Amino acid sequence: MQVQQQIDTLVVAGVGLIGGSFALALKRAGRVRRVIGVGRTQANLENALALGVADEVTQDIASVAHRADMVLLAAPVGQMGALMRALAPGLRPGAIVTDGGSTKSDVAALYREHLPQHLPWCVPAHPIAGSDLSGAAAAQYGLYENRRVVLTPLDETLSAAAETVAELWRACGAEIHAMSAAEHDAVFASVSHLPHLLAFAYVDQVAAKADAERCFDFAATGFRDFTRIAGSHPEMWTDISLANRDALLAELADYRASLERLSSLLEQGDAASLNQLFSDARAARSRWHQQFLRRG
């Protein structure tokens, strides 16, 4: 099978930030002729049409499966099994199915369960470009410029299918990385999923206080920056949390140990150790941030 550099018909299930931005970027790059948007909410689908994110919309993915040269599943992970099941009867051999899910081991299992005859053309992926925005209005042309996309191909995935997906993400401006599904889930439990859980839990804690209104009145930029991701889509993060439960539980245990250490240092009034902890964390964060300055 030859690498397909241009897609005639792209079906995007979930025309929001991830799926909509992918569609817009490929349109601008001249890599797709027609985009069919699929979703549960008619109002958002109509918005996708009006904004030029999609050229055609439907709430029934089964009705357009036979027309797809490529399908991007950009819906929450919890919806992907049903979408794959609906796609299966109509997919043509050679039609690529990929996704934008934030967890990969569970999604790989869903491919095997619902698309067992189509695995050579299934390419699990994860674009690293989240936001607290959602819906078709959140879609933007340059979302993937200088962003990373992780591919976690199945053992059965054809190399040509994986390269087609990689090339289309490159056309969006992204940098491609490959790893196993298990490695992906462990890494992102640490640097993405855990921070979201902490932000949600912290805001919930403040909101439960007797003087919550007064606390929120005085919250400023530190609170804003720390809690921004608590504005993310609740359904999506419920799905992600449960899908990557084991890795997240391990990360929560490590974080709990870190909190215990911090509590102990505070109780002891150990200024030197607190200063060292803060200094080490600041240095690590600064090293990480330099990559964005270099890219800019």
Protein backbone atom coordinates (compact mmCIF):
# COMPACT_ATOMS: atom_id res chain seq x y z
CA MET A 1 0.00 0.00 0.00
CA GLN A 2 1.37 3.39 -1.02
CA VAL A 3 1.53 6.24 1.46
CA GLN A 4 -1.50 8.39 0.83
CA GLN A 5 -0.39 12.01 0.99
CA GLN A 6 -3.86 13.43 0.36
CA ILE A 7 -7.21 12.37 1.77
CA ASP A 8 -10.29 12.61 -0.40
CA THR A 9 -12.86 12.19 2.40
CA LEU A 10 -11.98 12.62 6.05
CA VAL A 11 -14.57 11.69 8.67
CA VAL A 12 -14.03 13.44 11.99
CA ALA A 13 -15.98 12.10 14.95
CA GLY A 14 -15.93 14.97 17.42
CA VAL A 15 -15.58 18.34 15.66
CA GLY A 16 -14.17 20.23 18.62
CA LEU A 17 -10.71 21.51 19.50
CA ILE A 18 -8.75 18.39 18.49
CA GLY A 19 -10.76 17.09 15.54
CA GLY A 20 -11.78 20.49 14.24
CA SER A 21 -8.23 21.87 14.34
CA PHE A 22 -6.95 18.78 12.51
CA ALA A 23 -9.54 19.30 9.79
CA LEU A 24 -8.78 23.01 9.43
CA ALA A 25 -5.03 22.46 9.25
CA LEU A 26 -5.35 19.75 6.59
CA LYS A 27 -7.71 21.93 4.57
CA ARG A 28 -5.24 24.81 4.66
CA ALA A 29 -2.42 22.45 3.66
CA GLY A 30 -4.48 21.13 0.73
CA ARG A 31 -4.33 17.57 2.10
CA VAL A 32 -8.08 16.87 2.30
CA ARG A 33 -10.87 17.46 -0.16
CA ARG A 34 -13.95 16.94 1.99
CA VAL A 35 -14.51 16.76 5.75
CA ILE A 36 -17.57 15.05 7.21
CA GLY A 37 -18.14 16.03 10.83
CA VAL A 38 -19.85 13.60 13.20
CA GLY A 39 -21.18 14.50 16.62
CA ARG A 40 -23.95 14.10 19.17
CA THR A 41 -25.08 17.72 19.33
CA GLN A 42 -26.78 19.19 16.29
CA ALA A 43 -26.04 22.76 17.38
CA ASN A 44 -22.29 22.11 17.46
CA LEU A 45 -22.44 20.33 14.10
CA GLU A 46 -24.21 23.31 12.56
CA ASN A 47 -21.57 25.56 14.08
CA ALA A 48 -18.86 23.39 12.50
CA LEU A 49 -20.52 23.88 9.12
CA ALA A 50 -20.86 27.62 9.59
CA LEU A 51 -17.21 27.98 10.63
CA GLY A 52 -15.92 25.89 7.72
CA VAL A 53 -14.57 23.18 10.01
CA ALA A 54 -16.69 20.57 8.19
CA ASP A 55 -18.25 20.46 4.73
CA GLU A 56 -20.99 18.05 5.75
CA VAL A 57 -22.29 16.85 9.11
CA THR A 58 -24.21 13.93 10.56
CA GLN A 59 -25.05 12.40 13.91
CA ASP A 60 -24.80 8.88 12.45
CA ILE A 61 -21.24 7.76 11.75
CA ALA A 62 -22.45 4.43 10.33
CA SER A 63 -24.15 6.27 7.48
CA VAL A 64 -20.86 7.74 6.22
CA ALA A 65 -18.37 4.98 7.14
CA HIS A 66 -18.35 3.60 3.58
CA ARG A 67 -17.27 6.99 2.21
CA ALA A 68 -14.27 7.45 4.49
CA ASP A 69 -10.69 7.33 3.28
CA MET A 70 -9.68 8.19 6.82
CA VAL A 71 -11.51 8.45 10.14
CA LEU A 72 -10.28 10.51 13.09
CA LEU A 73 -11.95 9.58 16.37
CA ALA A 74 -11.65 12.82 18.33
CA ALA A 75 -14.47 12.14 20.78
CA PRO A 76 -13.92 11.36 24.48
CA VAL A 77 -12.32 7.96 25.05
CA GLY A 78 -15.52 6.65 26.63
CA GLN A 79 -17.37 7.07 23.33
CA MET A 80 -14.79 5.40 21.10
CA GLY A 81 -15.97 1.82 21.50
CA ALA A 82 -19.46 2.68 20.29
CA LEU A 83 -18.05 4.70 17.40
CA MET A 84 -15.78 1.84 16.31
CA ARG A 85 -18.64 -0.62 16.57
CA ALA A 86 -20.80 1.60 14.35
CA LEU A 87 -17.98 2.06 11.83
CA ALA A 88 -17.04 -1.59 11.47
CA PRO A 89 -19.66 -2.84 8.97
CA GLY A 90 -19.12 0.00 6.50
CA LEU A 91 -15.36 0.58 6.47
CA ARG A 92 -13.61 -0.19 3.22
CA PRO A 93 -10.27 -2.06 3.31
CA GLY A 94 -7.50 0.52 3.29
CA ALA A 95 -9.54 3.21 5.04
CA ILE A 96 -7.35 4.44 7.90
CA VAL A 97 -8.81 4.76 11.39
CA THR A 98 -6.90 6.83 13.91
CA ASP A 99 -7.77 8.70 17.10
CA GLY A 100 -6.77 11.55 19.38
CA GLY A 101 -7.34 9.81 22.69
CA SER A 102 -5.29 10.81 25.74
CA THR A 103 -4.93 7.17 26.81
CA LYS A 104 -3.69 4.44 24.53
CA SER A 105 -3.71 0.96 26.12
CA ASP A 106 -7.49 1.01 26.49
CA VAL A 107 -7.97 2.44 22.99
CA ALA A 108 -5.73 -0.26 21.51
CA ALA A 109 -7.95 -2.86 23.21
CA LEU A 110 -11.03 -1.19 21.70
CA TYR A 111 -9.55 -1.38 18.21
CA ARG A 112 -8.97 -5.09 18.68
CA GLU A 113 -12.43 -5.67 20.10
CA HIS A 114 -14.48 -3.70 17.58
CA LEU A 115 -12.32 -3.60 14.42
CA PRO A 116 -10.52 -6.98 14.44
CA GLN A 117 -10.62 -7.30 10.63
CA HIS A 118 -9.37 -3.77 10.10
CA LEU A 119 -6.29 -3.67 12.37
CA PRO A 120 -3.70 -3.19 9.56
CA TRP A 121 -5.19 0.27 8.97
CA CYS A 122 -5.70 1.29 12.63
CA VAL A 123 -3.21 3.84 13.99
CA PRO A 124 -3.68 4.93 17.62
CA ALA A 125 -2.36 8.46 18.21
CA HIS A 126 -2.34 11.30 20.72
CA PRO A 127 -1.84 14.95 19.72
CA ILE A 128 -0.33 16.89 22.65
CA ALA A 129 -2.32 20.07 22.26
CA GLY A 130 -5.00 20.23 24.92
CA SER A 131 -6.99 23.23 26.11
CA ASP A 132 -9.83 24.04 28.44
CA LEU A 133 -11.88 25.06 25.38
CA SER A 134 -14.26 22.73 23.55
CA GLY A 135 -16.71 22.63 20.67
CA ALA A 136 -16.31 23.63 17.02
CA ALA A 137 -15.70 27.26 18.01
CA ALA A 138 -12.46 26.14 19.72
CA ALA A 139 -11.00 24.76 16.46
CA GLN A 140 -8.03 26.75 15.16
CA TYR A 141 -5.69 26.50 12.18
CA GLY A 142 -2.36 26.65 13.98
CA LEU A 143 -3.07 24.50 17.03
CA TYR A 144 -0.54 21.82 16.07
CA GLU A 145 2.32 24.06 14.96
CA ASN A 146 5.47 22.86 16.76
CA ARG A 147 3.41 20.48 18.92
CA ARG A 148 4.13 16.81 19.47
CA VAL A 149 1.95 13.95 18.30
CA VAL A 150 2.60 10.48 19.72
CA LEU A 151 1.82 7.43 17.59
CA THR A 152 1.39 4.06 19.28
CA PRO A 153 0.85 1.68 16.33
CA LEU A 154 -0.53 -1.78 16.98
CA ASP A 155 1.59 -4.81 16.19
CA GLU A 156 -0.78 -5.38 13.27
CA THR A 157 -0.60 -1.80 11.93
CA LEU A 158 0.90 -1.51 8.45
CA SER A 159 3.92 0.77 8.37
CA ALA A 160 2.43 2.58 5.37
CA ALA A 161 -0.74 3.36 7.33
CA ALA A 162 1.29 4.71 10.26
CA GLU A 163 3.40 6.82 7.90
CA THR A 164 0.29 8.24 6.24
CA VAL A 165 -1.02 9.38 9.61
CA ALA A 166 2.40 10.74 10.56
CA GLU A 167 2.69 12.67 7.29
CA LEU A 168 -0.74 14.25 7.74
CA TRP A 169 0.15 15.37 11.27
CA ARG A 170 3.40 16.80 9.89
CA ALA A 171 1.31 18.73 7.37
CA CYS A 172 -0.43 20.27 10.40
CA GLY A 173 2.95 21.42 11.70
CA ALA A 174 3.40 18.69 14.30
CA GLU A 175 6.48 16.73 15.37
CA ILE A 176 5.98 12.95 15.42
CA HIS A 177 7.11 10.58 18.18
CA ALA A 178 6.45 6.86 18.58
CA MET A 179 6.23 4.75 21.73
CA SER A 180 4.34 1.79 23.08
CA ALA A 181 0.86 2.24 24.51
CA ALA A 182 2.03 1.25 27.99
CA GLU A 183 4.93 3.72 27.95
CA HIS A 184 2.61 6.45 26.71
CA ASP A 185 0.11 5.88 29.50
CA ALA A 186 2.77 5.90 32.20
CA VAL A 187 4.33 9.13 30.92
CA PHE A 188 1.06 11.00 30.54
CA ALA A 189 -0.30 9.84 33.88
CA SER A 190 2.64 11.74 35.36
CA VAL A 191 2.72 14.94 33.32
CA SER A 192 -0.86 15.39 32.11
CA HIS A 193 -3.47 13.28 33.84
CA LEU A 194 -2.26 13.83 37.41
CA PRO A 195 -2.11 17.65 37.06
CA HIS A 196 -5.70 17.68 35.85
CA LEU A 197 -6.86 15.58 38.80
CA LEU A 198 -5.01 17.86 41.21
CA ALA A 199 -6.51 20.99 39.68
CA PHE A 200 -10.04 19.59 39.83
CA ALA A 201 -9.55 18.39 43.43
CA TYR A 202 -8.07 21.70 44.58
CA VAL A 203 -10.87 23.83 43.12
CA ASP A 204 -13.42 21.45 44.62
CA GLN A 205 -11.70 21.79 47.99
CA VAL A 206 -11.82 25.59 47.89
CA ALA A 207 -15.44 25.57 46.68
CA ALA A 208 -16.42 23.41 49.67
CA LYS A 209 -15.07 25.88 52.23
CA ALA A 210 -17.53 27.83 54.40
CA ASP A 211 -15.90 31.06 53.19
CA ALA A 212 -15.50 29.89 49.56
CA GLU A 213 -16.97 33.07 48.08
CA ARG A 214 -14.51 35.23 49.98
CA CYS A 215 -11.61 32.97 48.96
CA PHE A 216 -12.58 33.19 45.30
CA ASP A 217 -12.93 36.98 45.59
CA PHE A 218 -9.27 37.26 46.55
CA ALA A 219 -7.91 34.58 44.20
CA ALA A 220 -5.50 36.11 41.70
CA THR A 221 -2.99 35.04 39.05
CA GLY A 222 -1.46 32.16 41.01
CA PHE A 223 -4.88 30.60 41.50
CA ARG A 224 -5.77 31.28 37.87
CA ASP A 225 -2.61 29.67 36.49
CA PHE A 226 -2.74 26.63 38.77
CA THR A 227 -6.42 25.94 38.16
CA ARG A 228 -6.79 26.74 34.45
CA ILE A 229 -7.06 23.06 33.49
CA ALA A 230 -9.90 22.57 35.98
CA GLY A 231 -11.97 24.26 33.30
CA SER A 232 -11.49 21.24 31.03
CA HIS A 233 -14.27 18.95 29.81
CA PRO A 234 -15.54 16.85 32.79
CA GLU A 235 -16.78 13.92 30.70
CA MET A 236 -13.49 13.63 28.86
CA TRP A 237 -11.44 13.71 32.07
CA THR A 238 -13.69 11.21 33.79
CA ASP A 239 -13.06 8.84 30.87
CA ILE A 240 -9.31 9.48 30.90
CA SER A 241 -9.02 9.02 34.66
CA LEU A 242 -10.81 5.68 34.65
CA ALA A 243 -9.08 4.47 31.49
CA ASN A 244 -5.62 5.12 32.97
CA ARG A 245 -6.60 4.24 36.53
CA ASP A 246 -3.66 2.00 37.47
CA ALA A 247 -0.99 4.44 36.33
CA LEU A 248 -2.85 7.32 37.97
CA LEU A 249 -3.20 5.50 41.28
CA ALA A 250 0.57 4.96 41.27
CA GLU A 251 1.15 8.66 40.56
CA LEU A 252 -1.29 9.68 43.29
CA ALA A 253 0.56 7.47 45.77
CA ASP A 254 3.85 9.16 44.85
CA TYR A 255 2.27 12.60 45.12
CA ARG A 256 0.76 11.71 48.48
CA ALA A 257 4.26 10.80 49.69
CA SER A 258 5.53 14.16 48.44
CA LEU A 259 2.77 15.96 50.35
CA GLU A 260 3.66 14.02 53.48
CA ARG A 261 7.27 15.10 53.11
CA LEU A 262 6.17 18.72 52.63
CA SER A 263 3.92 18.55 55.70
CA SER A 264 6.78 17.15 57.75
CA LEU A 265 9.14 19.95 56.69
CA LEU A 266 6.54 22.56 57.57
CA GLU A 267 5.85 20.98 60.96
CA GLN A 268 9.59 20.94 61.69
CA GLY A 269 10.07 24.50 60.47
CA ASP A 270 12.90 23.19 58.30
CA ALA A 271 13.60 26.29 56.19
CA ALA A 272 16.77 24.90 54.62
CA SER A 273 15.06 21.76 53.32
CA LEU A 274 12.03 23.69 52.10
CA ASN A 275 14.29 26.12 50.25
CA GLN A 276 16.19 23.21 48.66
CA LEU A 277 12.96 21.50 47.58
CA PHE A 278 11.62 24.73 46.06
CA SER A 279 14.96 25.47 44.37
CA ASP A 280 15.21 21.98 42.85
CA ALA A 281 11.64 22.17 41.59
CA ARG A 282 12.18 25.63 40.14
CA ALA A 283 15.34 24.51 38.33
CA ALA A 284 13.60 21.45 36.86
CA ARG A 285 10.68 23.57 35.70
CA SER A 286 13.03 26.14 34.13
CA ARG A 287 14.89 23.43 32.21
CA TRP A 288 11.60 22.10 30.89
CA HIS A 289 10.41 25.59 29.89
CA GLN A 290 13.54 26.28 27.86
CA GLN A 291 12.35 23.91 25.12
CA PHE A 292 9.45 26.23 24.35
CA LEU A 293 11.74 29.27 24.22
CA ARG A 294 14.05 27.44 21.81
CA ARG A 295 11.16 26.43 19.59
CA GLY A 296 9.77 29.95 19.58
